[in-house]
């Protein structure tokens, strides 16, 4: 009998938190922009935030924490629905930056392992 264990694990925990940020880069039309925004969800590896710009997956941007003026290079990894404050955009830091947000982020969220038994004949 062979036993297979399936486990999903996040790279870092996520926290629903509004953080004022500035987003800078080039939009789909190739025009440079810099605008104020706020996050919806943060993690050590990136964030979900609002953007008023037309962006594309893979676009390289600079995210600036408005409270500290710290900058972090990131890329667009998700384009979501439009909302009152702009389109929901998922960004991933080029390098993990757990201290960028100025808040303590817990250890990665863990999803309990599922165990499945498979019989071999």
PDB file of N, CA and C in Angstrom:
ATOM      1  N   UNK A   1       0.835  -1.168   0.000  1.00  0.00           N
ATOM      2  CA  UNK A   1       0.000   0.000   0.000  1.00  0.00           C
ATOM      3  C   UNK A   1       0.893   1.249   0.000  1.00  0.00           C
ATOM      4  N   UNK A   2       0.598   2.196  -0.891  1.00  0.00           N
ATOM      5  CA  UNK A   2       1.334   3.445  -0.974  1.00  0.00           C
ATOM      6  C   UNK A   2       0.479   4.565  -0.407  1.00  0.00           C
ATOM      7  N   UNK A   3       1.091   5.425   0.369  1.00  0.00           N
ATOM      8  CA  UNK A   3       0.357   6.537   0.965  1.00  0.00           C
ATOM      9  C   UNK A   3       0.860   7.843   0.346  1.00  0.00           C
ATOM     10  N   UNK A   4      -0.087   8.662  -0.137  1.00  0.00           N
ATOM     11  CA  UNK A   4       0.250   9.946  -0.730  1.00  0.00           C
ATOM     12  C   UNK A   4      -0.318  11.046   0.152  1.00  0.00           C
ATOM     13  N   UNK A   5       0.500  12.046   0.438  1.00  0.00           N
ATOM     14  CA  UNK A   5       0.047  13.170   1.266  1.00  0.00           C
ATOM     15  C   UNK A   5       0.010  14.418   0.394  1.00  0.00           C
ATOM     16  N   UNK A   6      -1.154  15.070   0.357  1.00  0.00           N
ATOM     17  CA  UNK A   6      -1.311  16.318  -0.374  1.00  0.00           C
ATOM     18  C   UNK A   6      -1.323  17.455   0.632  1.00  0.00           C
ATOM     19  N   UNK A   7      -0.525  18.499   0.380  1.00  0.00           N
ATOM     20  CA  UNK A   7      -0.508  19.636   1.285  1.00  0.00           C
ATOM     21  C   UNK A   7      -0.331  20.912   0.485  1.00  0.00           C
ATOM     22  N   UNK A   8      -1.188  21.891   0.757  1.00  0.00           N
ATOM     23  CA  UNK A   8      -1.051  23.215   0.160  1.00  0.00           C
ATOM     24  C   UNK A   8      -0.520  24.147   1.227  1.00  0.00           C
ATOM     25  N   UNK A   9       0.419  24.984   0.843  1.00  0.00           N
ATOM     26  CA  UNK A   9       1.016  25.896   1.816  1.00  0.00           C
ATOM     27  C   UNK A   9       1.282  27.233   1.132  1.00  0.00           C
ATOM     28  N   UNK A  10       0.931  28.307   1.806  1.00  0.00           N
ATOM     29  CA  UNK A  10       1.228  29.641   1.293  1.00  0.00           C
ATOM     30  C   UNK A  10       2.673  29.965   1.622  1.00  0.00           C
ATOM     31  N   UNK A  11       3.267  30.821   0.774  1.00  0.00           N
ATOM     32  CA  UNK A  11       4.639  31.244   1.049  1.00  0.00           C
ATOM     33  C   UNK A  11       4.698  32.141   2.269  1.00  0.00           C
ATOM     34  N   UNK A  12       3.645  32.926   2.491  1.00  0.00           N
ATOM     35  CA  UNK A  12       3.571  33.780   3.678  1.00  0.00           C
ATOM     36  C   UNK A  12       2.110  34.029   3.995  1.00  0.00           C
ATOM     37  N   UNK A  13       1.831  34.431   5.221  1.00  0.00           N
ATOM     38  CA  UNK A  13       0.452  34.679   5.589  1.00  0.00           C
ATOM     39  C   UNK A  13      -0.035  35.955   4.932  1.00  0.00           C
ATOM     40  N   UNK A  14      -1.336  36.046   4.778  1.00  0.00           N
ATOM     41  CA  UNK A  14      -1.964  37.230   4.199  1.00  0.00           C
ATOM     42  C   UNK A  14      -2.720  37.953   5.294  1.00  0.00           C
ATOM     43  N   UNK A  15      -2.781  39.258   5.168  1.00  0.00           N
ATOM     44  CA  UNK A  15      -3.469  40.059   6.167  1.00  0.00           C
ATOM     45  C   UNK A  15      -4.307  41.111   5.451  1.00  0.00           C
ATOM     46  N   UNK A  16      -5.612  41.157   5.769  1.00  0.00           N
ATOM     47  CA  UNK A  16      -6.471  42.198   5.215  1.00  0.00           C
ATOM     48  C   UNK A  16      -6.104  43.495   5.915  1.00  0.00           C
ATOM     49  N   UNK A  17      -5.550  44.430   5.142  1.00  0.00           N
ATOM     50  CA  UNK A  17      -5.089  45.674   5.752  1.00  0.00           C
ATOM     51  C   UNK A  17      -4.996  46.766   4.700  1.00  0.00           C
ATOM     52  N   UNK A  18      -5.545  47.923   5.032  1.00  0.00           N
ATOM     53  CA  UNK A  18      -5.427  49.086   4.152  1.00  0.00           C
ATOM     54  C   UNK A  18      -4.133  49.819   4.470  1.00  0.00           C
ATOM     55  N   UNK A  19      -3.274  49.886   3.475  1.00  0.00           N
ATOM     56  CA  UNK A  19      -2.021  50.617   3.601  1.00  0.00           C
ATOM     57  C   UNK A  19      -1.972  51.587   2.421  1.00  0.00           C
ATOM     58  N   UNK A  20      -1.720  52.851   2.712  1.00  0.00           N
ATOM     59  CA  UNK A  20      -1.594  53.831   1.626  1.00  0.00           C
ATOM     60  C   UNK A  20      -0.259  53.641   0.934  1.00  0.00           C
ATOM     61  N   UNK A  21      -0.336  53.535  -0.379  1.00  0.00           N
ATOM     62  CA  UNK A  21       0.851  53.316  -1.197  1.00  0.00           C
ATOM     63  C   UNK A  21       0.812  54.216  -2.423  1.00  0.00           C
ATOM     64  N   UNK A  22       1.952  54.311  -3.083  1.00  0.00           N
ATOM     65  CA  UNK A  22       2.035  54.944  -4.402  1.00  0.00           C
ATOM     66  C   UNK A  22       2.514  53.868  -5.346  1.00  0.00           C
ATOM     67  N   UNK A  23       1.965  53.862  -6.530  1.00  0.00           N
ATOM     68  CA  UNK A  23       2.310  52.885  -7.542  1.00  0.00           C
ATOM     69  C   UNK A  23       2.877  53.643  -8.736  1.00  0.00           C
ATOM     70  N   UNK A  24       4.025  53.213  -9.241  1.00  0.00           N
ATOM     71  CA  UNK A  24       4.665  53.896 -10.365  1.00  0.00           C
ATOM     72  C   UNK A  24       5.106  52.878 -11.408  1.00  0.00           C
ATOM     73  N   UNK A  25       5.025  53.271 -12.659  1.00  0.00           N
ATOM     74  CA  UNK A  25       5.451  52.395 -13.746  1.00  0.00           C
ATOM     75  C   UNK A  25       4.931  52.894 -15.068  1.00  0.00           C
ATOM     76  N   UNK A  26       4.740  51.950 -16.012  1.00  0.00           N
ATOM     77  CA  UNK A  26       4.173  52.270 -17.319  1.00  0.00           C
ATOM     78  C   UNK A  26       2.885  51.483 -17.495  1.00  0.00           C
ATOM     79  N   UNK A  27       1.871  52.153 -18.073  1.00  0.00           N
ATOM     80  CA  UNK A  27       0.610  51.462 -18.326  1.00  0.00           C
ATOM     81  C   UNK A  27       0.665  50.749 -19.672  1.00  0.00           C
ATOM     82  N   UNK A  28      -0.466  50.142 -20.087  1.00  0.00           N
ATOM     83  CA  UNK A  28      -0.495  49.383 -21.342  1.00  0.00           C
ATOM     84  C   UNK A  28      -0.189  50.249 -22.556  1.00  0.00           C
ATOM     85  N   UNK A  29      -0.455  51.527 -22.460  1.00  0.00           N
ATOM     86  CA  UNK A  29      -0.190  52.444 -23.567  1.00  0.00           C
ATOM     87  C   UNK A  29       1.272  52.925 -23.569  1.00  0.00           C
ATOM     88  N   UNK A  30       2.068  52.468 -22.607  1.00  0.00           N
ATOM     89  CA  UNK A  30       3.469  52.844 -22.533  1.00  0.00           C
ATOM     90  C   UNK A  30       3.712  54.191 -21.865  1.00  0.00           C
ATOM     91  N   UNK A  31       2.668  54.775 -21.283  1.00  0.00           N
ATOM     92  CA  UNK A  31       2.814  56.068 -20.599  1.00  0.00           C
ATOM     93  C   UNK A  31       3.176  55.851 -19.135  1.00  0.00           C
ATOM     94  N   UNK A  32       4.145  56.654 -18.686  1.00  0.00           N
ATOM     95  CA  UNK A  32       4.546  56.585 -17.275  1.00  0.00           C
ATOM     96  C   UNK A  32       3.432  57.138 -16.396  1.00  0.00           C
ATOM     97  N   UNK A  33       3.297  56.530 -15.221  1.00  0.00           N
ATOM     98  CA  UNK A  33       2.310  57.026 -14.255  1.00  0.00           C
ATOM     99  C   UNK A  33       2.869  56.907 -12.857  1.00  0.00           C
ATOM    100  N   UNK A  34       2.265  57.633 -11.970  1.00  0.00           N
ATOM    101  CA  UNK A  34       2.540  57.540 -10.533  1.00  0.00           C
ATOM    102  C   UNK A  34       1.266  58.011  -9.861  1.00  0.00           C
ATOM    103  N   UNK A  35       0.639  57.133  -9.093  1.00  0.00           N
ATOM    104  CA  UNK A  35      -0.604  57.527  -8.445  1.00  0.00           C
ATOM    105  C   UNK A  35      -0.737  56.900  -7.057  1.00  0.00           C
ATOM    106  N   UNK A  36      -1.537  57.544  -6.238  1.00  0.00           N
ATOM    107  CA  UNK A  36      -1.801  57.058  -4.880  1.00  0.00           C
ATOM    108  C   UNK A  36      -2.833  55.944  -4.943  1.00  0.00           C
ATOM    109  N   UNK A  37      -2.683  54.977  -4.063  1.00  0.00           N
ATOM    110  CA  UNK A  37      -3.601  53.844  -3.993  1.00  0.00           C
ATOM    111  C   UNK A  37      -3.638  53.332  -2.560  1.00  0.00           C
ATOM    112  N   UNK A  38      -4.353  52.243  -2.360  1.00  0.00           N
ATOM    113  CA  UNK A  38      -4.327  51.563  -1.056  1.00  0.00           C
ATOM    114  C   UNK A  38      -4.471  50.077  -1.272  1.00  0.00           C
ATOM    115  N   UNK A  39      -3.905  49.326  -0.335  1.00  0.00           N
ATOM    116  CA  UNK A  39      -3.951  47.870  -0.428  1.00  0.00           C
ATOM    117  C   UNK A  39      -5.271  47.340   0.114  1.00  0.00           C
ATOM    118  N   UNK A  40      -5.569  46.122  -0.271  1.00  0.00           N
ATOM    119  CA  UNK A  40      -6.715  45.374   0.252  1.00  0.00           C
ATOM    120  C   UNK A  40      -6.173  44.269   1.152  1.00  0.00           C
ATOM    121  N   UNK A  41      -5.164  43.562   0.639  1.00  0.00           N
ATOM    122  CA  UNK A  41      -4.519  42.452   1.338  1.00  0.00           C
ATOM    123  C   UNK A  41      -3.011  42.611   1.171  1.00  0.00           C
ATOM    124  N   UNK A  42      -2.257  42.316   2.233  1.00  0.00           N
ATOM    125  CA  UNK A  42      -0.793  42.386   2.162  1.00  0.00           C
ATOM    126  C   UNK A  42      -0.178  41.049   2.567  1.00  0.00           C
ATOM    127  N   UNK A  43       1.053  40.813   2.114  1.00  0.00           N
ATOM    128  CA  UNK A  43       1.837  39.650   2.547  1.00  0.00           C
ATOM    129  C   UNK A  43       3.308  40.000   2.375  1.00  0.00           C
ATOM    130  N   UNK A  44       4.175  39.124   2.832  1.00  0.00           N
ATOM    131  CA  UNK A  44       5.615  39.346   2.691  1.00  0.00           C
ATOM    132  C   UNK A  44       6.055  39.274   1.233  1.00  0.00           C
ATOM    133  N   UNK A  45       5.195  38.723   0.376  1.00  0.00           N
ATOM    134  CA  UNK A  45       5.546  38.539  -1.028  1.00  0.00           C
ATOM    135  C   UNK A  45       4.811  39.477  -1.971  1.00  0.00           C
ATOM    136  N   UNK A  46       3.938  40.351  -1.449  1.00  0.00           N
ATOM    137  CA  UNK A  46       3.221  41.258  -2.333  1.00  0.00           C
ATOM    138  C   UNK A  46       1.942  41.777  -1.729  1.00  0.00           C
ATOM    139  N   UNK A  47       0.968  42.062  -2.609  1.00  0.00           N
ATOM    140  CA  UNK A  47      -0.287  42.636  -2.135  1.00  0.00           C
ATOM    141  C   UNK A  47      -1.360  42.556  -3.207  1.00  0.00           C
ATOM    142  N   UNK A  48      -2.578  42.749  -2.767  1.00  0.00           N
ATOM    143  CA  UNK A  48      -3.711  42.989  -3.643  1.00  0.00           C
ATOM    144  C   UNK A  48      -4.082  44.435  -3.389  1.00  0.00           C
ATOM    145  N   UNK A  49      -4.165  45.247  -4.451  1.00  0.00           N
ATOM    146  CA  UNK A  49      -4.426  46.675  -4.276  1.00  0.00           C
ATOM    147  C   UNK A  49      -5.300  47.185  -5.406  1.00  0.00           C
ATOM    148  N   UNK A  50      -5.660  48.449  -5.318  1.00  0.00           N
ATOM    149  CA  UNK A  50      -6.459  49.092  -6.358  1.00  0.00           C
ATOM    150  C   UNK A  50      -5.547  49.890  -7.276  1.00  0.00           C
ATOM    151  N   UNK A  51      -5.848  49.880  -8.579  1.00  0.00           N
ATOM    152  CA  UNK A  51      -5.108  50.701  -9.527  1.00  0.00           C
ATOM    153  C   UNK A  51      -6.079  51.315 -10.525  1.00  0.00           C
ATOM    154  N   UNK A  52      -5.822  52.561 -10.871  1.00  0.00           N
ATOM    155  CA  UNK A  52      -6.639  53.269 -11.860  1.00  0.00           C
ATOM    156  C   UNK A  52      -6.042  53.156 -13.257  1.00  0.00           C
ATOM    157  N   UNK A  53      -4.918  52.471 -13.390  1.00  0.00           N
ATOM    158  CA  UNK A  53      -4.215  52.351 -14.661  1.00  0.00           C
ATOM    159  C   UNK A  53      -4.565  51.050 -15.376  1.00  0.00           C
ATOM    160  N   UNK A  54      -4.464  51.067 -16.705  1.00  0.00           N
ATOM    161  CA  UNK A  54      -4.594  49.844 -17.493  1.00  0.00           C
ATOM    162  C   UNK A  54      -3.246  49.137 -17.445  1.00  0.00           C
ATOM    163  N   UNK A  55      -3.205  48.014 -16.749  1.00  0.00           N
ATOM    164  CA  UNK A  55      -1.954  47.275 -16.585  1.00  0.00           C
ATOM    165  C   UNK A  55      -2.069  45.921 -17.254  1.00  0.00           C
ATOM    166  N   UNK A  56      -0.940  45.269 -17.454  1.00  0.00           N
ATOM    167  CA  UNK A  56      -0.949  43.923 -18.016  1.00  0.00           C
ATOM    168  C   UNK A  56      -0.141  42.986 -17.123  1.00  0.00           C
ATOM    169  N   UNK A  57      -0.490  41.715 -17.179  1.00  0.00           N
ATOM    170  CA  UNK A  57       0.228  40.697 -16.412  1.00  0.00           C
ATOM    171  C   UNK A  57       1.707  40.751 -16.786  1.00  0.00           C
ATOM    172  N   UNK A  58       2.573  40.732 -15.772  1.00  0.00           N
ATOM    173  CA  UNK A  58       4.011  40.742 -15.991  1.00  0.00           C
ATOM    174  C   UNK A  58       4.632  42.128 -15.980  1.00  0.00           C
ATOM    175  N   UNK A  59       3.810  43.174 -15.991  1.00  0.00           N
ATOM    176  CA  UNK A  59       4.351  44.539 -15.985  1.00  0.00           C
ATOM    177  C   UNK A  59       5.169  44.772 -14.723  1.00  0.00           C
ATOM    178  N   UNK A  60       6.329  45.396 -14.866  1.00  0.00           N
ATOM    179  CA  UNK A  60       7.174  45.734 -13.723  1.00  0.00           C
ATOM    180  C   UNK A  60       6.792  47.119 -13.212  1.00  0.00           C
ATOM    181  N   UNK A  61       6.598  47.229 -11.902  1.00  0.00           N
ATOM    182  CA  UNK A  61       6.181  48.470 -11.254  1.00  0.00           C
ATOM    183  C   UNK A  61       7.060  48.720 -10.036  1.00  0.00           C
ATOM    184  N   UNK A  62       6.933  49.920  -9.490  1.00  0.00           N
ATOM    185  CA  UNK A  62       7.564  50.240  -8.213  1.00  0.00           C
ATOM    186  C   UNK A  62       6.436  50.600  -7.253  1.00  0.00           C
ATOM    187  N   UNK A  63       6.442  49.957  -6.096  1.00  0.00           N
ATOM    188  CA  UNK A  63       5.461  50.230  -5.053  1.00  0.00           C
ATOM    189  C   UNK A  63       6.163  51.005  -3.950  1.00  0.00           C
ATOM    190  N   UNK A  64       5.555  52.109  -3.523  1.00  0.00           N
ATOM    191  CA  UNK A  64       6.137  52.949  -2.478  1.00  0.00           C
ATOM    192  C   UNK A  64       5.202  52.978  -1.282  1.00  0.00           C
ATOM    193  N   UNK A  65       5.727  52.619  -0.112  1.00  0.00           N
ATOM    194  CA  UNK A  65       4.960  52.693   1.122  1.00  0.00           C
ATOM    195  C   UNK A  65       4.880  54.173   1.506  1.00  0.00           C
ATOM    196  N   UNK A  66       3.688  54.755   1.505  1.00  0.00           N
ATOM    197  CA  UNK A  66       3.530  56.189   1.757  1.00  0.00           C
ATOM    198  C   UNK A  66       3.987  56.603   3.147  1.00  0.00           C
ATOM    199  N   UNK A  67       3.909  55.703   4.127  1.00  0.00           N
ATOM    200  CA  UNK A  67       4.298  56.040   5.501  1.00  0.00           C
ATOM    201  C   UNK A  67       5.816  56.105   5.660  1.00  0.00           C
ATOM    202  N   UNK A  68       6.535  55.230   4.958  1.00  0.00           N
ATOM    203  CA  UNK A  68       7.990  55.141   5.142  1.00  0.00           C
ATOM    204  C   UNK A  68       8.789  55.617   3.926  1.00  0.00           C
ATOM    205  N   UNK A  69       8.118  55.782   2.787  1.00  0.00           N
ATOM    206  CA  UNK A  69       8.748  56.119   1.498  1.00  0.00           C
ATOM    207  C   UNK A  69       9.691  55.024   1.007  1.00  0.00           C
ATOM    208  N   UNK A  70       9.622  53.841   1.613  1.00  0.00           N
ATOM    209  CA  UNK A  70      10.412  52.709   1.136  1.00  0.00           C
ATOM    210  C   UNK A  70       9.841  52.238  -0.198  1.00  0.00           C
ATOM    211  N   UNK A  71      10.712  51.851  -1.117  1.00  0.00           N
ATOM    212  CA  UNK A  71      10.309  51.397  -2.436  1.00  0.00           C
ATOM    213  C   UNK A  71      10.600  49.916  -2.596  1.00  0.00           C
ATOM    214  N   UNK A  72       9.747  49.268  -3.372  1.00  0.00           N
ATOM    215  CA  UNK A  72       9.939  47.849  -3.640  1.00  0.00           C
ATOM    216  C   UNK A  72       9.546  47.573  -5.085  1.00  0.00           C
ATOM    217  N   UNK A  73      10.445  46.944  -5.851  1.00  0.00           N
ATOM    218  CA  UNK A  73      10.121  46.578  -7.222  1.00  0.00           C
ATOM    219  C   UNK A  73       9.184  45.370  -7.207  1.00  0.00           C
ATOM    220  N   UNK A  74       8.184  45.391  -8.080  1.00  0.00           N
ATOM    221  CA  UNK A  74       7.205  44.307  -8.117  1.00  0.00           C
ATOM    222  C   UNK A  74       6.719  44.074  -9.544  1.00  0.00           C
ATOM    223  N   UNK A  75       5.983  42.987  -9.710  1.00  0.00           N
ATOM    224  CA  UNK A  75       5.391  42.690 -11.024  1.00  0.00           C
ATOM    225  C   UNK A  75       3.922  42.356 -10.833  1.00  0.00           C
ATOM    226  N   UNK A  76       3.134  42.643 -11.862  1.00  0.00           N
ATOM    227  CA  UNK A  76       1.701  42.353 -11.842  1.00  0.00           C
ATOM    228  C   UNK A  76       1.509  40.863 -12.106  1.00  0.00           C
ATOM    229  N   UNK A  77       0.771  40.194 -11.188  1.00  0.00           N
ATOM    230  CA  UNK A  77       0.528  38.762 -11.346  1.00  0.00           C
ATOM    231  C   UNK A  77      -0.964  38.426 -11.430  1.00  0.00           C
ATOM    232  N   UNK A  78      -1.815  39.432 -11.190  1.00  0.00           N
ATOM    233  CA  UNK A  78      -3.260  39.188 -11.212  1.00  0.00           C
ATOM    234  C   UNK A  78      -3.988  40.478 -11.563  1.00  0.00           C
ATOM    235  N   UNK A  79      -4.956  40.379 -12.453  1.00  0.00           N
ATOM    236  CA  UNK A  79      -5.841  41.499 -12.773  1.00  0.00           C
ATOM    237  C   UNK A  79      -7.263  41.058 -12.477  1.00  0.00           C
ATOM    238  N   UNK A  80      -7.900  41.748 -11.547  1.00  0.00           N
ATOM    239  CA  UNK A  80      -9.231  41.358 -11.109  1.00  0.00           C
ATOM    240  C   UNK A  80     -10.299  42.320 -11.576  1.00  0.00           C
ATOM    241  N   UNK A  81     -11.390  42.289 -10.845  1.00  0.00           N
ATOM    242  CA  UNK A  81     -12.555  43.095 -11.168  1.00  0.00           C
ATOM    243  C   UNK A  81     -12.322  44.575 -10.925  1.00  0.00           C
ATOM    244  N   UNK A  82     -13.085  45.384 -11.648  1.00  0.00           N
ATOM    245  CA  UNK A  82     -13.109  46.820 -11.387  1.00  0.00           C
ATOM    246  C   UNK A  82     -13.945  47.072 -10.146  1.00  0.00           C
ATOM    247  N   UNK A  83     -13.524  48.029  -9.347  1.00  0.00           N
ATOM    248  CA  UNK A  83     -14.250  48.427  -8.145  1.00  0.00           C
ATOM    249  C   UNK A  83     -14.333  49.951  -8.139  1.00  0.00           C
ATOM    250  N   UNK A  84     -15.011  50.478  -7.164  1.00  0.00           N
ATOM    251  CA  UNK A  84     -15.167  51.929  -7.061  1.00  0.00           C
ATOM    252  C   UNK A  84     -13.815  52.642  -7.010  1.00  0.00           C
ATOM    253  N   UNK A  85     -12.836  52.022  -6.373  1.00  0.00           N
ATOM    254  CA  UNK A  85     -11.511  52.639  -6.201  1.00  0.00           C
ATOM    255  C   UNK A  85     -10.539  52.282  -7.318  1.00  0.00           C
ATOM    256  N   UNK A  86     -10.968  51.492  -8.288  1.00  0.00           N
ATOM    257  CA  UNK A  86     -10.101  51.075  -9.386  1.00  0.00           C
ATOM    258  C   UNK A  86     -10.117  49.572  -9.551  1.00  0.00           C
ATOM    259  N   UNK A  87      -9.303  49.085 -10.478  1.00  0.00           N
ATOM    260  CA  UNK A  87      -9.213  47.647 -10.712  1.00  0.00           C
ATOM    261  C   UNK A  87      -8.401  46.981  -9.600  1.00  0.00           C
ATOM    262  N   UNK A  88      -8.810  45.800  -9.212  1.00  0.00           N
ATOM    263  CA  UNK A  88      -8.045  45.036  -8.224  1.00  0.00           C
ATOM    264  C   UNK A  88      -6.859  44.399  -8.943  1.00  0.00           C
ATOM    265  N   UNK A  89      -5.666  44.651  -8.412  1.00  0.00           N
ATOM    266  CA  UNK A  89      -4.434  44.183  -9.044  1.00  0.00           C
ATOM    267  C   UNK A  89      -3.592  43.450  -8.012  1.00  0.00           C
ATOM    268  N   UNK A  90      -3.167  42.248  -8.359  1.00  0.00           N
ATOM    269  CA  UNK A  90      -2.258  41.489  -7.513  1.00  0.00           C
ATOM    270  C   UNK A  90      -0.835  41.749  -7.953  1.00  0.00           C
ATOM    271  N   UNK A  91       0.009  42.131  -6.999  1.00  0.00           N
ATOM    272  CA  UNK A  91       1.418  42.364  -7.311  1.00  0.00           C
ATOM    273  C   UNK A  91       2.272  41.443  -6.448  1.00  0.00           C
ATOM    274  N   UNK A  92       3.409  41.038  -7.017  1.00  0.00           N
ATOM    275  CA  UNK A  92       4.361  40.179  -6.319  1.00  0.00           C
ATOM    276  C   UNK A  92       5.698  40.904  -6.279  1.00  0.00           C
ATOM    277  N   UNK A  93       6.298  40.988  -5.086  1.00  0.00           N
ATOM    278  CA  UNK A  93       7.609  41.608  -4.971  1.00  0.00           C
ATOM    279  C   UNK A  93       8.631  40.774  -5.737  1.00  0.00           C
ATOM    280  N   UNK A  94       9.576  41.443  -6.400  1.00  0.00           N
ATOM    281  CA  UNK A  94      10.649  40.740  -7.090  1.00  0.00           C
ATOM    282  C   UNK A  94      11.490  39.973  -6.072  1.00  0.00           C
ATOM    283  N   UNK A  95      11.695  40.559  -4.890  1.00  0.00           N
ATOM    284  CA  UNK A  95      12.359  39.892  -3.761  1.00  0.00           C
ATOM    285  C   UNK A  95      11.441  40.001  -2.552  1.00  0.00           C
ATOM    286  N   UNK A  96      11.254  38.926  -1.773  1.00  0.00           N
ATOM    287  CA  UNK A  96      10.392  39.006  -0.594  1.00  0.00           C
ATOM    288  C   UNK A  96      10.809  40.158   0.318  1.00  0.00           C
ATOM    289  N   UNK A  97       9.827  40.850   0.891  1.00  0.00           N
ATOM    290  CA  UNK A  97      10.101  42.014   1.744  1.00  0.00           C
ATOM    291  C   UNK A  97       9.153  42.016   2.943  1.00  0.00           C
ATOM    292  N   UNK A  98       9.356  41.105   3.908  1.00  0.00           N
ATOM    293  CA  UNK A  98       8.433  40.999   5.037  1.00  0.00           C
ATOM    294  C   UNK A  98       8.364  42.252   5.908  1.00  0.00           C
ATOM    295  N   UNK A  99       9.378  43.113   5.874  1.00  0.00           N
ATOM    296  CA  UNK A  99       9.377  44.318   6.710  1.00  0.00           C
ATOM    297  C   UNK A  99       8.830  45.544   5.982  1.00  0.00           C
ATOM    298  N   UNK A 100       8.529  45.418   4.699  1.00  0.00           N
ATOM    299  CA  UNK A 100       8.075  46.544   3.886  1.00  0.00           C
ATOM    300  C   UNK A 100       6.819  47.207   4.448  1.00  0.00           C
ATOM    301  N   UNK A 101       5.908  46.411   4.986  1.00  0.00           N
ATOM    302  CA  UNK A 101       4.615  46.930   5.435  1.00  0.00           C
ATOM    303  C   UNK A 101       4.654  47.568   6.813  1.00  0.00           C
ATOM    304  N   UNK A 102       5.699  47.320   7.585  1.00  0.00           N
ATOM    305  CA  UNK A 102       5.781  47.900   8.921  1.00  0.00           C
ATOM    306  C   UNK A 102       4.886  47.231   9.943  1.00  0.00           C
ATOM    307  N   UNK A 103       4.413  46.025   9.622  1.00  0.00           N
ATOM    308  CA  UNK A 103       3.602  45.237  10.556  1.00  0.00           C
ATOM    309  C   UNK A 103       4.160  43.822  10.582  1.00  0.00           C
ATOM    310  N   UNK A 104       3.927  43.143  11.680  1.00  0.00           N
ATOM    311  CA  UNK A 104       4.400  41.771  11.797  1.00  0.00           C
ATOM    312  C   UNK A 104       3.429  40.840  11.087  1.00  0.00           C
ATOM    313  N   UNK A 105       3.976  40.036  10.206  1.00  0.00           N
ATOM    314  CA  UNK A 105       3.171  39.043   9.507  1.00  0.00           C
ATOM    315  C   UNK A 105       3.482  37.684  10.108  1.00  0.00           C
ATOM    316  N   UNK A 106       2.434  36.940  10.448  1.00  0.00           N
ATOM    317  CA  UNK A 106       2.603  35.625  11.062  1.00  0.00           C
ATOM    318  C   UNK A 106       3.285  34.665  10.113  1.00  0.00           C
ATOM    319  N   UNK A 107       3.639  33.513  10.648  1.00  0.00           N
ATOM    320  CA  UNK A 107       4.205  32.441   9.840  1.00  0.00           C
ATOM    321  C   UNK A 107       3.195  32.063   8.761  1.00  0.00           C
ATOM    322  N   UNK A 108       3.646  31.376   7.717  1.00  0.00           N
ATOM    323  CA  UNK A 108       2.744  30.992   6.639  1.00  0.00           C
ATOM    324  C   UNK A 108       1.503  30.269   7.145  1.00  0.00           C
ATOM    325  N   UNK A 109       0.367  30.553   6.499  1.00  0.00           N
ATOM    326  CA  UNK A 109      -0.873  29.835   6.781  1.00  0.00           C
ATOM    327  C   UNK A 109      -0.673  28.399   6.317  1.00  0.00           C
ATOM    328  N   UNK A 110      -1.148  27.480   7.076  1.00  0.00           N
ATOM    329  CA  UNK A 110      -1.017  26.078   6.685  1.00  0.00           C
ATOM    330  C   UNK A 110      -2.396  25.474   6.526  1.00  0.00           C
ATOM    331  N   UNK A 111      -2.547  24.753   5.431  1.00  0.00           N
ATOM    332  CA  UNK A 111      -3.770  24.018   5.190  1.00  0.00           C
ATOM    333  C   UNK A 111      -3.498  22.596   5.636  1.00  0.00           C
ATOM    334  N   UNK A 112      -4.360  22.011   6.488  1.00  0.00           N
ATOM    335  CA  UNK A 112      -4.100  20.661   6.972  1.00  0.00           C
ATOM    336  C   UNK A 112      -3.885  19.678   5.823  1.00  0.00           C
ATOM    337  N   UNK A 113      -2.948  18.790   6.022  1.00  0.00           N
ATOM    338  CA  UNK A 113      -2.635  17.786   5.009  1.00  0.00           C
ATOM    339  C   UNK A 113      -3.796  16.825   4.847  1.00  0.00           C
ATOM    340  N   UNK A 114      -4.029  16.409   3.610  1.00  0.00           N
ATOM    341  CA  UNK A 114      -5.043  15.391   3.331  1.00  0.00           C
ATOM    342  C   UNK A 114      -4.291  14.112   2.995  1.00  0.00           C
ATOM    343  N   UNK A 115      -4.655  13.048   3.611  1.00  0.00           N
ATOM    344  CA  UNK A 115      -3.968  11.781   3.385  1.00  0.00           C
ATOM    345  C   UNK A 115      -4.875  10.859   2.587  1.00  0.00           C
ATOM    346  N   UNK A 116      -4.310  10.237   1.595  1.00  0.00           N
ATOM    347  CA  UNK A 116      -5.053   9.321   0.751  1.00  0.00           C
ATOM    348  C   UNK A 116      -4.279   8.028   0.645  1.00  0.00           C
ATOM    349  N   UNK A 117      -4.937   6.924   0.806  1.00  0.00           N
ATOM    350  CA  UNK A 117      -4.291   5.618   0.670  1.00  0.00           C
ATOM    351  C   UNK A 117      -4.647   5.020  -0.675  1.00  0.00           C
ATOM    352  N   UNK A 118      -3.636   4.572  -1.380  1.00  0.00           N
ATOM    353  CA  UNK A 118      -3.836   3.933  -2.684  1.00  0.00           C
ATOM    354  C   UNK A 118      -3.234   2.548  -2.595  1.00  0.00           C
ATOM    355  N   UNK A 119      -4.015   1.569  -2.990  1.00  0.00           N
ATOM    356  CA  UNK A 119      -3.519   0.188  -2.976  1.00  0.00           C
ATOM    357  C   UNK A 119      -2.952  -0.153  -4.340  1.00  0.00           C
ATOM    358  N   UNK A 120      -1.756  -0.763  -4.327  1.00  0.00           N
ATOM    359  CA  UNK A 120      -1.154  -1.254  -5.573  1.00  0.00           C
ATOM    360  C   UNK A 120      -1.328  -2.759  -5.611  1.00  0.00           C
ATOM    361  N   UNK A 121      -1.694  -3.275  -6.744  1.00  0.00           N
ATOM    362  CA  UNK A 121      -1.845  -4.736  -6.904  1.00  0.00           C
ATOM    363  C   UNK A 121      -0.617  -5.334  -7.497  1.00  0.00           C
TER     364      UNK A 121
END
